[in-house]
């Protein structure tokens, strides 16, 4: 029973990630080059600010999340 629930939760999370990735990709297509540049600049700045404010185990989680955020938003890693 617990395995079924765990599987269902993980399955739902995969669907959500896929949906969000699709939405991000669709939004990126309609951005002008200037908007895309501003989006990337703001995103990089926000992640840098977040990294500067956390320590320890939380920083590791932030870095992993940042890597996925960059991947799905099309930003090249620094």
C-alpha atoms as a PDB file:
ATOM      1  CA  UNK A   1       0.000   0.000   0.000  1.00  0.00           C
ATOM      2  CA  UNK A   2       2.764   2.448   0.960  1.00  0.00           C
ATOM      3  CA  UNK A   3       4.632   1.646  -2.247  1.00  0.00           C
ATOM      4  CA  UNK A   4       1.524   2.466  -4.288  1.00  0.00           C
ATOM      5  CA  UNK A   5       1.179   5.811  -2.534  1.00  0.00           C
ATOM      6  CA  UNK A   6       4.887   6.594  -2.969  1.00  0.00           C
ATOM      7  CA  UNK A   7       4.725   5.675  -6.640  1.00  0.00           C
ATOM      8  CA  UNK A   8       1.655   7.863  -7.119  1.00  0.00           C
ATOM      9  CA  UNK A   9       3.352  10.853  -5.436  1.00  0.00           C
ATOM     10  CA  UNK A  10       6.504  10.446  -7.524  1.00  0.00           C
ATOM     11  CA  UNK A  11       4.441  10.035 -10.685  1.00  0.00           C
ATOM     12  CA  UNK A  12       2.538  13.255  -9.909  1.00  0.00           C
ATOM     13  CA  UNK A  13       5.817  15.108  -9.333  1.00  0.00           C
ATOM     14  CA  UNK A  14       7.158  13.936 -12.702  1.00  0.00           C
ATOM     15  CA  UNK A  15       3.997  15.177 -14.408  1.00  0.00           C
ATOM     16  CA  UNK A  16       4.330  18.547 -12.684  1.00  0.00           C
ATOM     17  CA  UNK A  17       7.980  18.904 -13.695  1.00  0.00           C
ATOM     18  CA  UNK A  18       7.168  17.977 -17.287  1.00  0.00           C
ATOM     19  CA  UNK A  19       4.293  20.465 -17.355  1.00  0.00           C
ATOM     20  CA  UNK A  20       6.408  23.271 -15.901  1.00  0.00           C
ATOM     21  CA  UNK A  21       9.223  22.535 -18.334  1.00  0.00           C
ATOM     22  CA  UNK A  22       6.754  22.700 -21.208  1.00  0.00           C
ATOM     23  CA  UNK A  23       5.398  26.033 -19.976  1.00  0.00           C
ATOM     24  CA  UNK A  24       8.889  27.505 -19.606  1.00  0.00           C
ATOM     25  CA  UNK A  25       9.825  26.393 -23.112  1.00  0.00           C
ATOM     26  CA  UNK A  26       6.658  27.910 -24.564  1.00  0.00           C
ATOM     27  CA  UNK A  27       7.242  31.200 -22.761  1.00  0.00           C
ATOM     28  CA  UNK A  28      10.867  31.410 -23.902  1.00  0.00           C
ATOM     29  CA  UNK A  29       9.769  31.179 -27.525  1.00  0.00           C
ATOM     30  CA  UNK A  30       7.730  34.383 -27.300  1.00  0.00           C
ATOM     31  CA  UNK A  31      10.397  36.473 -25.573  1.00  0.00           C
ATOM     32  CA  UNK A  32      12.203  39.077 -27.626  1.00  0.00           C
ATOM     33  CA  UNK A  33      16.012  38.829 -27.545  1.00  0.00           C
ATOM     34  CA  UNK A  34      16.052  41.743 -25.092  1.00  0.00           C
ATOM     35  CA  UNK A  35      13.493  40.070 -22.830  1.00  0.00           C
ATOM     36  CA  UNK A  36      15.411  36.796 -22.983  1.00  0.00           C
ATOM     37  CA  UNK A  37      18.614  38.587 -21.987  1.00  0.00           C
ATOM     38  CA  UNK A  38      16.849  40.342 -19.092  1.00  0.00           C
ATOM     39  CA  UNK A  39      15.262  37.072 -17.974  1.00  0.00           C
ATOM     40  CA  UNK A  40      18.627  35.328 -17.913  1.00  0.00           C
ATOM     41  CA  UNK A  41      20.332  38.231 -16.136  1.00  0.00           C
ATOM     42  CA  UNK A  42      17.611  38.408 -13.467  1.00  0.00           C
ATOM     43  CA  UNK A  43      17.570  34.651 -12.980  1.00  0.00           C
ATOM     44  CA  UNK A  44      21.344  34.429 -12.581  1.00  0.00           C
ATOM     45  CA  UNK A  45      21.303  37.342 -10.139  1.00  0.00           C
ATOM     46  CA  UNK A  46      18.508  35.791  -8.067  1.00  0.00           C
ATOM     47  CA  UNK A  47      20.338  32.471  -7.793  1.00  0.00           C
ATOM     48  CA  UNK A  48      23.601  34.203  -6.862  1.00  0.00           C
ATOM     49  CA  UNK A  49      21.804  36.126  -4.104  1.00  0.00           C
ATOM     50  CA  UNK A  50      20.245  32.915  -2.828  1.00  0.00           C
ATOM     51  CA  UNK A  51      23.594  31.100  -2.827  1.00  0.00           C
ATOM     52  CA  UNK A  52      25.203  33.933  -0.892  1.00  0.00           C
ATOM     53  CA  UNK A  53      22.578  33.686   1.865  1.00  0.00           C
ATOM     54  CA  UNK A  54      22.663  29.946   2.601  1.00  0.00           C
ATOM     55  CA  UNK A  55      25.198  27.585   4.133  1.00  0.00           C
ATOM     56  CA  UNK A  56      25.822  23.908   4.727  1.00  0.00           C
ATOM     57  CA  UNK A  57      23.359  21.263   3.624  1.00  0.00           C
ATOM     58  CA  UNK A  58      20.901  23.884   2.433  1.00  0.00           C
ATOM     59  CA  UNK A  59      23.499  25.252   0.012  1.00  0.00           C
ATOM     60  CA  UNK A  60      23.866  21.812  -1.573  1.00  0.00           C
ATOM     61  CA  UNK A  61      20.102  21.673  -2.133  1.00  0.00           C
ATOM     62  CA  UNK A  62      20.109  25.193  -3.576  1.00  0.00           C
ATOM     63  CA  UNK A  63      22.922  24.309  -5.998  1.00  0.00           C
ATOM     64  CA  UNK A  64      21.089  21.193  -7.210  1.00  0.00           C
ATOM     65  CA  UNK A  65      17.878  23.160  -7.670  1.00  0.00           C
ATOM     66  CA  UNK A  66      19.766  25.936  -9.457  1.00  0.00           C
ATOM     67  CA  UNK A  67      21.262  23.420 -11.900  1.00  0.00           C
ATOM     68  CA  UNK A  68      17.786  22.198 -12.844  1.00  0.00           C
ATOM     69  CA  UNK A  69      16.442  25.744 -13.042  1.00  0.00           C
ATOM     70  CA  UNK A  70      19.234  26.707 -15.431  1.00  0.00           C
ATOM     71  CA  UNK A  71      18.718  23.563 -17.501  1.00  0.00           C
ATOM     72  CA  UNK A  72      14.974  24.046 -17.886  1.00  0.00           C
ATOM     73  CA  UNK A  73      15.230  27.776 -18.558  1.00  0.00           C
ATOM     74  CA  UNK A  74      17.974  27.350 -21.152  1.00  0.00           C
ATOM     75  CA  UNK A  75      20.625  29.264 -19.205  1.00  0.00           C
ATOM     76  CA  UNK A  76      24.178  28.074 -19.691  1.00  0.00           C
ATOM     77  CA  UNK A  77      25.931  27.183 -16.444  1.00  0.00           C
ATOM     78  CA  UNK A  78      28.402  29.714 -15.161  1.00  0.00           C
END
